Amino acid sequence: MHEYPITQRIIEVADSYARENNADEVKIINLVVGDYSGYVASSIELYFDIIAESSRCAKAKLHIERVTPKLKCNKCGEYFERKPFSFECPTCQGEGSPTEIGQEFYIRSIEV
């Protein structure tokens, strides 16, 4: 349910950007959403079409780039995707630690 207000804010930002650039409509919004960001990409897509109806974003396409979380090996420094029930590095079998990769959430670009 917390995707509704964040989707509303994305549309406000894009609408404001279009207004500042004297554009009648927003064509594309490129969004980056990490799997561990706390937001569900499919819910944002669902709310987007509903909320955007009365804005400059009504005809806009929402492109979402999903970012898969990665661990960093404490031994060799390699970044890797965690396998279920394991923190083992596939390169050197060292132990991986959590990183901020996969927690991203931002608007990459807006095309008017």
PDB file of N, CA and C in Angstrom:
ATOM      1  N   MET A   1       0.813  -1.201   0.000  1.00  0.00           N
ATOM      2  CA  MET A   1       0.000   0.000   0.000  1.00  0.00           C
ATOM      3  C   MET A   1       0.857   1.267   0.000  1.00  0.00           C
ATOM      4  N   HIS A   2       2.098   1.187   0.502  1.00  0.00           N
ATOM      5  CA  HIS A   2       2.936   2.389   0.522  1.00  0.00           C
ATOM      6  C   HIS A   2       3.478   2.744  -0.859  1.00  0.00           C
ATOM      7  N   GLU A   3       3.179   1.927  -1.875  1.00  0.00           N
ATOM      8  CA  GLU A   3       3.556   2.262  -3.241  1.00  0.00           C
ATOM      9  C   GLU A   3       2.680   3.385  -3.808  1.00  0.00           C
ATOM     10  N   TYR A   4       1.463   3.523  -3.300  1.00  0.00           N
ATOM     11  CA  TYR A   4       0.558   4.567  -3.805  1.00  0.00           C
ATOM     12  C   TYR A   4       1.157   5.961  -3.607  1.00  0.00           C
ATOM     13  N   PRO A   5       1.552   6.348  -2.376  1.00  0.00           N
ATOM     14  CA  PRO A   5       2.088   7.703  -2.208  1.00  0.00           C
ATOM     15  C   PRO A   5       3.413   7.927  -2.939  1.00  0.00           C
ATOM     16  N   ILE A   6       4.255   6.893  -3.051  1.00  0.00           N
ATOM     17  CA  ILE A   6       5.527   7.090  -3.751  1.00  0.00           C
ATOM     18  C   ILE A   6       5.279   7.230  -5.248  1.00  0.00           C
ATOM     19  N   THR A   7       4.290   6.515  -5.775  1.00  0.00           N
ATOM     20  CA  THR A   7       3.936   6.646  -7.186  1.00  0.00           C
ATOM     21  C   THR A   7       3.366   8.032  -7.447  1.00  0.00           C
ATOM     22  N   GLN A   8       2.566   8.506  -6.527  1.00  0.00           N
ATOM     23  CA  GLN A   8       2.006   9.861  -6.627  1.00  0.00           C
ATOM     24  C   GLN A   8       3.141  10.885  -6.674  1.00  0.00           C
ATOM     25  N   ARG A   9       4.159  10.687  -5.851  1.00  0.00           N
ATOM     26  CA  ARG A   9       5.293  11.614  -5.807  1.00  0.00           C
ATOM     27  C   ARG A   9       6.107  11.559  -7.105  1.00  0.00           C
ATOM     28  N   ILE A  10       6.281  10.374  -7.668  1.00  0.00           N
ATOM     29  CA  ILE A  10       6.990  10.238  -8.948  1.00  0.00           C
ATOM     30  C   ILE A  10       6.266  11.058 -10.023  1.00  0.00           C
ATOM     31  N   ILE A  11       4.962  10.961 -10.054  1.00  0.00           N
ATOM     32  CA  ILE A  11       4.166  11.698 -11.038  1.00  0.00           C
ATOM     33  C   ILE A  11       4.258  13.202 -10.797  1.00  0.00           C
ATOM     34  N   GLU A  12       4.246  13.619  -9.543  1.00  0.00           N
ATOM     35  CA  GLU A  12       4.398  15.048  -9.221  1.00  0.00           C
ATOM     36  C   GLU A  12       5.737  15.581  -9.706  1.00  0.00           C
ATOM     37  N   VAL A  13       6.801  14.814  -9.477  1.00  0.00           N
ATOM     38  CA  VAL A  13       8.143  15.227  -9.904  1.00  0.00           C
ATOM     39  C   VAL A  13       8.200  15.335 -11.427  1.00  0.00           C
ATOM     40  N   ALA A  14       7.677  14.330 -12.131  1.00  0.00           N
ATOM     41  CA  ALA A  14       7.691  14.333 -13.594  1.00  0.00           C
ATOM     42  C   ALA A  14       6.825  15.457 -14.152  1.00  0.00           C
ATOM     43  N   ASP A  15       5.670  15.681 -13.546  1.00  0.00           N
ATOM     44  CA  ASP A  15       4.775  16.750 -13.974  1.00  0.00           C
ATOM     45  C   ASP A  15       5.450  18.110 -13.802  1.00  0.00           C
ATOM     46  N   SER A  16       6.103  18.296 -12.684  1.00  0.00           N
ATOM     47  CA  SER A  16       6.819  19.537 -12.409  1.00  0.00           C
ATOM     48  C   SER A  16       7.972  19.739 -13.405  1.00  0.00           C
ATOM     49  N   TYR A  17       8.684  18.659 -13.703  1.00  0.00           N
ATOM     50  CA  TYR A  17       9.782  18.723 -14.672  1.00  0.00           C
ATOM     51  C   TYR A  17       9.257  19.154 -16.043  1.00  0.00           C
ATOM     52  N   ALA A  18       8.129  18.581 -16.460  1.00  0.00           N
ATOM     53  CA  ALA A  18       7.527  18.951 -17.747  1.00  0.00           C
ATOM     54  C   ALA A  18       7.124  20.421 -17.753  1.00  0.00           C
ATOM     55  N   ARG A  19       6.519  20.872 -16.668  1.00  0.00           N
ATOM     56  CA  ARG A  19       6.082  22.270 -16.562  1.00  0.00           C
ATOM     57  C   ARG A  19       7.286  23.214 -16.655  1.00  0.00           C
ATOM     58  N   GLU A  20       8.362  22.883 -15.937  1.00  0.00           N
ATOM     59  CA  GLU A  20       9.573  23.718 -15.939  1.00  0.00           C
ATOM     60  C   GLU A  20      10.231  23.770 -17.313  1.00  0.00           C
ATOM     61  N   ASN A  21      10.009  22.744 -18.112  1.00  0.00           N
ATOM     62  CA  ASN A  21      10.615  22.673 -19.445  1.00  0.00           C
ATOM     63  C   ASN A  21       9.616  22.978 -20.559  1.00  0.00           C
ATOM     64  N   ASN A  22       8.509  23.614 -20.178  1.00  0.00           N
ATOM     65  CA  ASN A  22       7.472  24.042 -21.126  1.00  0.00           C
ATOM     66  C   ASN A  22       6.978  22.902 -22.023  1.00  0.00           C
ATOM     67  N   ALA A  23       6.852  21.720 -21.457  1.00  0.00           N
ATOM     68  CA  ALA A  23       6.361  20.561 -22.212  1.00  0.00           C
ATOM     69  C   ALA A  23       4.920  20.268 -21.820  1.00  0.00           C
ATOM     70  N   ASP A  24       4.130  19.886 -22.798  1.00  0.00           N
ATOM     71  CA  ASP A  24       2.727  19.563 -22.548  1.00  0.00           C
ATOM     72  C   ASP A  24       2.541  18.190 -21.926  1.00  0.00           C
ATOM     73  N   GLU A  25       3.496  17.303 -22.195  1.00  0.00           N
ATOM     74  CA  GLU A  25       3.346  15.952 -21.660  1.00  0.00           C
ATOM     75  C   GLU A  25       4.694  15.293 -21.391  1.00  0.00           C
ATOM     76  N   VAL A  26       4.654  14.309 -20.515  1.00  0.00           N
ATOM     77  CA  VAL A  26       5.817  13.475 -20.217  1.00  0.00           C
ATOM     78  C   VAL A  26       5.690  12.238 -21.094  1.00  0.00           C
ATOM     79  N   LYS A  27       6.777  11.874 -21.762  1.00  0.00           N
ATOM     80  CA  LYS A  27       6.744  10.716 -22.655  1.00  0.00           C
ATOM     81  C   LYS A  27       7.218   9.437 -21.953  1.00  0.00           C
ATOM     82  N   ILE A  28       8.328   9.546 -21.234  1.00  0.00           N
ATOM     83  CA  ILE A  28       8.909   8.365 -20.587  1.00  0.00           C
ATOM     84  C   ILE A  28       9.469   8.744 -19.220  1.00  0.00           C
ATOM     85  N   ILE A  29       9.246   7.884 -18.256  1.00  0.00           N
ATOM     86  CA  ILE A  29       9.883   8.004 -16.939  1.00  0.00           C
ATOM     87  C   ILE A  29      10.684   6.723 -16.731  1.00  0.00           C
ATOM     88  N   ASN A  30      11.983   6.870 -16.534  1.00  0.00           N
ATOM     89  CA  ASN A  30      12.858   5.733 -16.261  1.00  0.00           C
ATOM     90  C   ASN A  30      13.148   5.690 -14.767  1.00  0.00           C
ATOM     91  N   LEU A  31      12.731   4.610 -14.161  1.00  0.00           N
ATOM     92  CA  LEU A  31      12.817   4.445 -12.702  1.00  0.00           C
ATOM     93  C   LEU A  31      13.725   3.263 -12.382  1.00  0.00           C
ATOM     94  N   VAL A  32      14.519   3.387 -11.323  1.00  0.00           N
ATOM     95  CA  VAL A  32      15.373   2.301 -10.856  1.00  0.00           C
ATOM     96  C   VAL A  32      14.840   1.844  -9.508  1.00  0.00           C
ATOM     97  N   VAL A  33      14.529   0.533  -9.408  1.00  0.00           N
ATOM     98  CA  VAL A  33      13.964  -0.018  -8.179  1.00  0.00           C
ATOM     99  C   VAL A  33      14.744  -1.270  -7.787  1.00  0.00           C
ATOM    100  N   GLY A  34      15.423  -1.206  -6.660  1.00  0.00           N
ATOM    101  CA  GLY A  34      16.130  -2.371  -6.142  1.00  0.00           C
ATOM    102  C   GLY A  34      15.146  -3.336  -5.496  1.00  0.00           C
ATOM    103  N   ASP A  35      15.442  -4.621  -5.608  1.00  0.00           N
ATOM    104  CA  ASP A  35      14.560  -5.640  -5.025  1.00  0.00           C
ATOM    105  C   ASP A  35      14.442  -5.512  -3.505  1.00  0.00           C
ATOM    106  N   TYR A  36      15.442  -4.902  -2.866  1.00  0.00           N
ATOM    107  CA  TYR A  36      15.406  -4.706  -1.418  1.00  0.00           C
ATOM    108  C   TYR A  36      15.109  -3.256  -1.045  1.00  0.00           C
ATOM    109  N   SER A  37      14.531  -2.479  -1.965  1.00  0.00           N
ATOM    110  CA  SER A  37      14.252  -1.063  -1.704  1.00  0.00           C
ATOM    111  C   SER A  37      13.048  -0.866  -0.790  1.00  0.00           C
ATOM    112  N   GLY A  38      12.226  -1.900  -0.679  1.00  0.00           N
ATOM    113  CA  GLY A  38      11.004  -1.773   0.107  1.00  0.00           C
ATOM    114  C   GLY A  38       9.791  -1.443  -0.740  1.00  0.00           C
ATOM    115  N   TYR A  39       9.997  -1.285  -2.058  1.00  0.00           N
ATOM    116  CA  TYR A  39       8.901  -0.989  -2.966  1.00  0.00           C
ATOM    117  C   TYR A  39       8.753  -2.121  -3.982  1.00  0.00           C
ATOM    118  N   VAL A  40       7.514  -2.418  -4.339  1.00  0.00           N
ATOM    119  CA  VAL A  40       7.222  -3.478  -5.298  1.00  0.00           C
ATOM    120  C   VAL A  40       6.977  -2.834  -6.656  1.00  0.00           C
ATOM    121  N   ALA A  41       7.846  -3.153  -7.621  1.00  0.00           N
ATOM    122  CA  ALA A  41       7.776  -2.536  -8.950  1.00  0.00           C
ATOM    123  C   ALA A  41       6.425  -2.740  -9.616  1.00  0.00           C
ATOM    124  N   SER A  42       5.858  -3.924  -9.509  1.00  0.00           N
ATOM    125  CA  SER A  42       4.569  -4.191 -10.174  1.00  0.00           C
ATOM    126  C   SER A  42       3.442  -3.358  -9.564  1.00  0.00           C
ATOM    127  N   SER A  43       3.520  -3.063  -8.274  1.00  0.00           N
ATOM    128  CA  SER A  43       2.502  -2.208  -7.642  1.00  0.00           C
ATOM    129  C   SER A  43       2.629  -0.768  -8.115  1.00  0.00           C
ATOM    130  N   ILE A  44       3.849  -0.313  -8.297  1.00  0.00           N
ATOM    131  CA  ILE A  44       4.068   1.040  -8.813  1.00  0.00           C
ATOM    132  C   ILE A  44       3.491   1.150 -10.218  1.00  0.00           C
ATOM    133  N   GLU A  45       3.709   0.135 -11.039  1.00  0.00           N
ATOM    134  CA  GLU A  45       3.159   0.129 -12.403  1.00  0.00           C
ATOM    135  C   GLU A  45       1.633   0.175 -12.378  1.00  0.00           C
ATOM    136  N   LEU A  46       1.041  -0.577 -11.481  1.00  0.00           N
ATOM    137  CA  LEU A  46      -0.416  -0.615 -11.362  1.00  0.00           C
ATOM    138  C   LEU A  46      -0.971   0.751 -10.968  1.00  0.00           C
ATOM    139  N   TYR A  47      -0.405   1.358  -9.947  1.00  0.00           N
ATOM    140  CA  TYR A  47      -0.879   2.659  -9.483  1.00  0.00           C
ATOM    141  C   TYR A  47      -0.589   3.775 -10.493  1.00  0.00           C
ATOM    142  N   PHE A  48       0.501   3.646 -11.227  1.00  0.00           N
ATOM    143  CA  PHE A  48       0.915   4.699 -12.146  1.00  0.00           C
ATOM    144  C   PHE A  48      -0.190   5.059 -13.134  1.00  0.00           C
ATOM    145  N   ASP A  49      -0.745   4.064 -13.800  1.00  0.00           N
ATOM    146  CA  ASP A  49      -1.787   4.328 -14.800  1.00  0.00           C
ATOM    147  C   ASP A  49      -3.009   5.016 -14.200  1.00  0.00           C
ATOM    148  N   ILE A  50      -3.352   4.661 -12.985  1.00  0.00           N
ATOM    149  CA  ILE A  50      -4.525   5.236 -12.317  1.00  0.00           C
ATOM    150  C   ILE A  50      -4.265   6.681 -11.906  1.00  0.00           C
ATOM    151  N   ILE A  51      -3.134   6.926 -11.257  1.00  0.00           N
ATOM    152  CA  ILE A  51      -2.829   8.259 -10.727  1.00  0.00           C
ATOM    153  C   ILE A  51      -2.484   9.252 -11.839  1.00  0.00           C
ATOM    154  N   ALA A  52      -1.849   8.776 -12.904  1.00  0.00           N
ATOM    155  CA  ALA A  52      -1.357   9.665 -13.965  1.00  0.00           C
ATOM    156  C   ALA A  52      -2.451  10.232 -14.859  1.00  0.00           C
ATOM    157  N   GLU A  53      -3.656   9.702 -14.787  1.00  0.00           N
ATOM    158  CA  GLU A  53      -4.735  10.084 -15.701  1.00  0.00           C
ATOM    159  C   GLU A  53      -4.947  11.582 -15.865  1.00  0.00           C
ATOM    160  N   SER A  54      -4.884  12.334 -14.800  1.00  0.00           N
ATOM    161  CA  SER A  54      -5.184  13.766 -14.872  1.00  0.00           C
ATOM    162  C   SER A  54      -3.929  14.640 -14.797  1.00  0.00           C
ATOM    163  N   SER A  55      -2.829  14.131 -15.305  1.00  0.00           N
ATOM    164  CA  SER A  55      -1.582  14.894 -15.251  1.00  0.00           C
ATOM    165  C   SER A  55      -0.904  14.893 -16.615  1.00  0.00           C
ATOM    166  N   ARG A  56       0.243  15.550 -16.680  1.00  0.00           N
ATOM    167  CA  ARG A  56       1.037  15.546 -17.910  1.00  0.00           C
ATOM    168  C   ARG A  56       1.628  14.159 -18.186  1.00  0.00           C
ATOM    169  N   CYS A  57       1.481  13.266 -17.248  1.00  0.00           N
ATOM    170  CA  CYS A  57       2.017  11.904 -17.379  1.00  0.00           C
ATOM    171  C   CYS A  57       0.985  10.910 -17.914  1.00  0.00           C
ATOM    172  N   ALA A  58      -0.185  11.390 -18.295  1.00  0.00           N
ATOM    173  CA  ALA A  58      -1.282  10.501 -18.700  1.00  0.00           C
ATOM    174  C   ALA A  58      -0.897   9.525 -19.809  1.00  0.00           C
ATOM    175  N   LYS A  59      -0.066   9.958 -20.750  1.00  0.00           N
ATOM    176  CA  LYS A  59       0.334   9.093 -21.862  1.00  0.00           C
ATOM    177  C   LYS A  59       1.762   8.562 -21.696  1.00  0.00           C
ATOM    178  N   ALA A  60       2.361   8.839 -20.567  1.00  0.00           N
ATOM    179  CA  ALA A  60       3.756   8.460 -20.346  1.00  0.00           C
ATOM    180  C   ALA A  60       3.928   6.949 -20.185  1.00  0.00           C
ATOM    181  N   LYS A  61       5.079   6.478 -20.625  1.00  0.00           N
ATOM    182  CA  LYS A  61       5.485   5.086 -20.415  1.00  0.00           C
ATOM    183  C   LYS A  61       6.397   5.054 -19.199  1.00  0.00           C
ATOM    184  N   LEU A  62       6.165   4.093 -18.340  1.00  0.00           N
ATOM    185  CA  LEU A  62       6.992   3.922 -17.154  1.00  0.00           C
ATOM    186  C   LEU A  62       7.900   2.720 -17.379  1.00  0.00           C
ATOM    187  N   HIS A  63       9.196   2.980 -17.437  1.00  0.00           N
ATOM    188  CA  HIS A  63      10.178   1.905 -17.587  1.00  0.00           C
ATOM    189  C   HIS A  63      10.867   1.707 -16.239  1.00  0.00           C
ATOM    190  N   ILE A  64      10.808   0.488 -15.742  1.00  0.00           N
ATOM    191  CA  ILE A  64      11.405   0.197 -14.441  1.00  0.00           C
ATOM    192  C   ILE A  64      12.573  -0.764 -14.616  1.00  0.00           C
ATOM    193  N   GLU A  65      13.742  -0.326 -14.176  1.00  0.00           N
ATOM    194  CA  GLU A  65      14.933  -1.170 -14.164  1.00  0.00           C
ATOM    195  C   GLU A  65      15.047  -1.752 -12.756  1.00  0.00           C
ATOM    196  N   ARG A  66      14.966  -3.053 -12.658  1.00  0.00           N
ATOM    197  CA  ARG A  66      15.074  -3.703 -11.352  1.00  0.00           C
ATOM    198  C   ARG A  66      16.538  -4.043 -11.074  1.00  0.00           C
ATOM    199  N   VAL A  67      16.940  -3.867  -9.821  1.00  0.00           N
ATOM    200  CA  VAL A  67      18.313  -4.148  -9.418  1.00  0.00           C
ATOM    201  C   VAL A  67      18.306  -5.300  -8.415  1.00  0.00           C
ATOM    202  N   THR A  68      19.006  -6.361  -8.772  1.00  0.00           N
ATOM    203  CA  THR A  68      19.105  -7.540  -7.918  1.00  0.00           C
ATOM    204  C   THR A  68      20.153  -7.300  -6.829  1.00  0.00           C
ATOM    205  N   PRO A  69      19.847  -7.638  -5.584  1.00  0.00           N
ATOM    206  CA  PRO A  69      20.811  -7.453  -4.496  1.00  0.00           C
ATOM    207  C   PRO A  69      22.077  -8.284  -4.713  1.00  0.00           C
ATOM    208  N   LYS A  70      23.197  -7.743  -4.241  1.00  0.00           N
ATOM    209  CA  LYS A  70      24.470  -8.456  -4.343  1.00  0.00           C
ATOM    210  C   LYS A  70      25.203  -8.400  -3.009  1.00  0.00           C
ATOM    211  N   LEU A  71      25.977  -9.450  -2.775  1.00  0.00           N
ATOM    212  CA  LEU A  71      26.868  -9.519  -1.630  1.00  0.00           C
ATOM    213  C   LEU A  71      28.280  -9.222  -2.115  1.00  0.00           C
ATOM    214  N   LYS A  72      29.157  -8.841  -1.189  1.00  0.00           N
ATOM    215  CA  LYS A  72      30.571  -8.630  -1.517  1.00  0.00           C
ATOM    216  C   LYS A  72      31.382  -9.621  -0.695  1.00  0.00           C
ATOM    217  N   CYS A  73      32.237 -10.372  -1.384  1.00  0.00           N
ATOM    218  CA  CYS A  73      33.059 -11.370  -0.708  1.00  0.00           C
ATOM    219  C   CYS A  73      34.097 -10.684   0.182  1.00  0.00           C
ATOM    220  N   ASN A  74      34.169 -11.126   1.427  1.00  0.00           N
ATOM    221  CA  ASN A  74      35.133 -10.568   2.380  1.00  0.00           C
ATOM    222  C   ASN A  74      36.554 -11.001   2.060  1.00  0.00           C
ATOM    223  N   LYS A  75      36.704 -12.058   1.281  1.00  0.00           N
ATOM    224  CA  LYS A  75      38.018 -12.612   0.971  1.00  0.00           C
ATOM    225  C   LYS A  75      38.598 -12.041  -0.328  1.00  0.00           C
ATOM    226  N   CYS A  76      37.837 -12.128  -1.431  1.00  0.00           N
ATOM    227  CA  CYS A  76      38.370 -11.708  -2.734  1.00  0.00           C
ATOM    228  C   CYS A  76      37.788 -10.389  -3.252  1.00  0.00           C
ATOM    229  N   GLY A  77      36.737  -9.892  -2.615  1.00  0.00           N
ATOM    230  CA  GLY A  77      36.144  -8.616  -3.013  1.00  0.00           C
ATOM    231  C   GLY A  77      35.158  -8.699  -4.159  1.00  0.00           C
ATOM    232  N   GLU A  78      34.889  -9.902  -4.644  1.00  0.00           N
ATOM    233  CA  GLU A  78      33.949 -10.105  -5.749  1.00  0.00           C
ATOM    234  C   GLU A  78      32.514  -9.804  -5.297  1.00  0.00           C
ATOM    235  N   TYR A  79      31.724  -9.179  -6.191  1.00  0.00           N
ATOM    236  CA  TYR A  79      30.298  -8.983  -5.938  1.00  0.00           C
ATOM    237  C   TYR A  79      29.547 -10.145  -6.574  1.00  0.00           C
ATOM    238  N   PHE A  80      28.552 -10.675  -5.873  1.00  0.00           N
ATOM    239  CA  PHE A  80      27.810 -11.818  -6.404  1.00  0.00           C
ATOM    240  C   PHE A  80      26.402 -11.856  -5.843  1.00  0.00           C
ATOM    241  N   GLU A  81      25.517 -12.549  -6.595  1.00  0.00           N
ATOM    242  CA  GLU A  81      24.151 -12.746  -6.141  1.00  0.00           C
ATOM    243  C   GLU A  81      24.119 -13.915  -5.172  1.00  0.00           C
ATOM    244  N   ARG A  82      23.424 -13.736  -4.103  1.00  0.00           N
ATOM    245  CA  ARG A  82      23.326 -14.766  -3.066  1.00  0.00           C
ATOM    246  C   ARG A  82      22.434 -15.904  -3.529  1.00  0.00           C
ATOM    247  N   LYS A  83      22.902 -17.118  -3.289  1.00  0.00           N
ATOM    248  CA  LYS A  83      22.080 -18.300  -3.544  1.00  0.00           C
ATOM    249  C   LYS A  83      21.310 -18.612  -2.261  1.00  0.00           C
ATOM    250  N   PRO A  84      20.131 -19.226  -2.385  1.00  0.00           N
ATOM    251  CA  PRO A  84      19.341 -19.530  -1.184  1.00  0.00           C
ATOM    252  C   PRO A  84      20.144 -20.306  -0.132  1.00  0.00           C
ATOM    253  N   PHE A  85      20.029 -19.871   1.106  1.00  0.00           N
ATOM    254  CA  PHE A  85      20.648 -20.518   2.267  1.00  0.00           C
ATOM    255  C   PHE A  85      22.171 -20.507   2.231  1.00  0.00           C
ATOM    256  N   SER A  86      22.775 -19.563   1.506  1.00  0.00           N
ATOM    257  CA  SER A  86      24.231 -19.524   1.399  1.00  0.00           C
ATOM    258  C   SER A  86      24.723 -18.090   1.271  1.00  0.00           C
ATOM    259  N   PHE A  87      25.874 -17.821   1.870  1.00  0.00           N
ATOM    260  CA  PHE A  87      26.572 -16.550   1.708  1.00  0.00           C
ATOM    261  C   PHE A  87      27.925 -16.788   1.046  1.00  0.00           C
ATOM    262  N   GLU A  88      28.112 -17.978   0.472  1.00  0.00           N
ATOM    263  CA  GLU A  88      29.398 -18.388  -0.080  1.00  0.00           C
ATOM    264  C   GLU A  88      29.663 -17.758  -1.442  1.00  0.00           C
ATOM    265  N   CYS A  89      30.863 -17.223  -1.605  1.00  0.00           N
ATOM    266  CA  CYS A  89      31.304 -16.629  -2.862  1.00  0.00           C
ATOM    267  C   CYS A  89      31.524 -17.739  -3.887  1.00  0.00           C
ATOM    268  N   PRO A  90      30.961 -17.599  -5.089  1.00  0.00           N
ATOM    269  CA  PRO A  90      31.146 -18.627  -6.110  1.00  0.00           C
ATOM    270  C   PRO A  90      32.571 -18.652  -6.683  1.00  0.00           C
ATOM    271  N   THR A  91      33.342 -17.594  -6.459  1.00  0.00           N
ATOM    272  CA  THR A  91      34.698 -17.506  -6.991  1.00  0.00           C
ATOM    273  C   THR A  91      35.723 -18.169  -6.077  1.00  0.00           C
ATOM    274  N   CYS A  92      35.655 -17.825  -4.772  1.00  0.00           N
ATOM    275  CA  CYS A  92      36.700 -18.315  -3.852  1.00  0.00           C
ATOM    276  C   CYS A  92      36.160 -19.049  -2.633  1.00  0.00           C
ATOM    277  N   GLN A  93      34.863 -19.185  -2.527  1.00  0.00           N
ATOM    278  CA  GLN A  93      34.183 -19.843  -1.415  1.00  0.00           C
ATOM    279  C   GLN A  93      34.318 -19.078  -0.087  1.00  0.00           C
ATOM    280  N   GLY A  94      34.739 -17.813  -0.167  1.00  0.00           N
ATOM    281  CA  GLY A  94      34.765 -16.972   1.019  1.00  0.00           C
ATOM    282  C   GLY A  94      33.347 -16.570   1.406  1.00  0.00           C
ATOM    283  N   GLU A  95      33.227 -15.863   2.521  1.00  0.00           N
ATOM    284  CA  GLU A  95      31.907 -15.446   2.989  1.00  0.00           C
ATOM    285  C   GLU A  95      31.567 -14.051   2.471  1.00  0.00           C
ATOM    286  N   GLY A  96      30.333 -13.893   2.011  1.00  0.00           N
ATOM    287  CA  GLY A  96      29.873 -12.609   1.495  1.00  0.00           C
ATOM    288  C   GLY A  96      29.166 -11.796   2.558  1.00  0.00           C
ATOM    289  N   SER A  97      29.266 -10.482   2.418  1.00  0.00           N
ATOM    290  CA  SER A  97      28.586  -9.550   3.314  1.00  0.00           C
ATOM    291  C   SER A  97      27.591  -8.715   2.513  1.00  0.00           C
ATOM    292  N   PRO A  98      26.492  -8.288   3.140  1.00  0.00           N
ATOM    293  CA  PRO A  98      25.505  -7.456   2.442  1.00  0.00           C
ATOM    294  C   PRO A  98      26.110  -6.133   1.965  1.00  0.00           C
ATOM    295  N   THR A  99      25.566  -5.622   0.875  1.00  0.00           N
ATOM    296  CA  THR A  99      25.958  -4.319   0.335  1.00  0.00           C
ATOM    297  C   THR A  99      24.687  -3.493   0.148  1.00  0.00           C
ATOM    298  N   GLU A 100      24.848  -2.305  -0.364  1.00  0.00           N
ATOM    299  CA  GLU A 100      23.683  -1.461  -0.648  1.00  0.00           C
ATOM    300  C   GLU A 100      23.121  -1.728  -2.038  1.00  0.00           C
ATOM    301  N   ILE A 101      23.775  -2.597  -2.811  1.00  0.00           N
ATOM    302  CA  ILE A 101      23.282  -2.943  -4.138  1.00  0.00           C
ATOM    303  C   ILE A 101      21.966  -3.694  -3.985  1.00  0.00           C
ATOM    304  N   GLY A 102      20.935  -3.173  -4.623  1.00  0.00           N
ATOM    305  CA  GLY A 102      19.607  -3.762  -4.519  1.00  0.00           C
ATOM    306  C   GLY A 102      18.669  -2.936  -3.660  1.00  0.00           C
ATOM    307  N   GLN A 103      19.190  -1.870  -3.041  1.00  0.00           N
ATOM    308  CA  GLN A 103      18.365  -1.001  -2.210  1.00  0.00           C
ATOM    309  C   GLN A 103      18.031   0.311  -2.918  1.00  0.00           C
ATOM    310  N   GLU A 104      18.431   0.437  -4.178  1.00  0.00           N
ATOM    311  CA  GLU A 104      18.227   1.662  -4.935  1.00  0.00           C
ATOM    312  C   GLU A 104      16.750   1.956  -5.165  1.00  0.00           C
ATOM    313  N   PHE A 105      16.447   3.235  -5.205  1.00  0.00           N
ATOM    314  CA  PHE A 105      15.119   3.685  -5.612  1.00  0.00           C
ATOM    315  C   PHE A 105      15.237   5.137  -6.028  1.00  0.00           C
ATOM    316  N   TYR A 106      15.187   5.377  -7.343  1.00  0.00           N
ATOM    317  CA  TYR A 106      15.289   6.759  -7.834  1.00  0.00           C
ATOM    318  C   TYR A 106      14.800   6.861  -9.271  1.00  0.00           C
ATOM    319  N   ILE A 107      14.504   8.097  -9.660  1.00  0.00           N
ATOM    320  CA  ILE A 107      14.149   8.385 -11.046  1.00  0.00           C
ATOM    321  C   ILE A 107      15.447   8.596 -11.802  1.00  0.00           C
ATOM    322  N   ARG A 108      15.717   7.737 -12.774  1.00  0.00           N
ATOM    323  CA  ARG A 108      16.954   7.869 -13.565  1.00  0.00           C
ATOM    324  C   ARG A 108      16.828   9.024 -14.552  1.00  0.00           C
ATOM    325  N   SER A 109      15.671   9.105 -15.237  1.00  0.00           N
ATOM    326  CA  SER A 109      15.483  10.180 -16.210  1.00  0.00           C
ATOM    327  C   SER A 109      14.002  10.363 -16.530  1.00  0.00           C
ATOM    328  N   ILE A 110      13.710  11.546 -17.057  1.00  0.00           N
ATOM    329  CA  ILE A 110      12.357  11.891 -17.497  1.00  0.00           C
ATOM    330  C   ILE A 110      12.477  12.459 -18.904  1.00  0.00           C
ATOM    331  N   GLU A 111      11.708  11.906 -19.820  1.00  0.00           N
ATOM    332  CA  GLU A 111      11.728  12.390 -21.203  1.00  0.00           C
ATOM    333  C   GLU A 111      10.415  13.105 -21.494  1.00  0.00           C
ATOM    334  N   VAL A 112      10.551  14.349 -21.965  1.00  0.00           N
ATOM    335  CA  VAL A 112       9.357  15.138 -22.298  1.00  0.00           C
ATOM    336  C   VAL A 112       9.282  15.377 -23.793  1.00  0.00           C
TER     337      VAL A 112
END
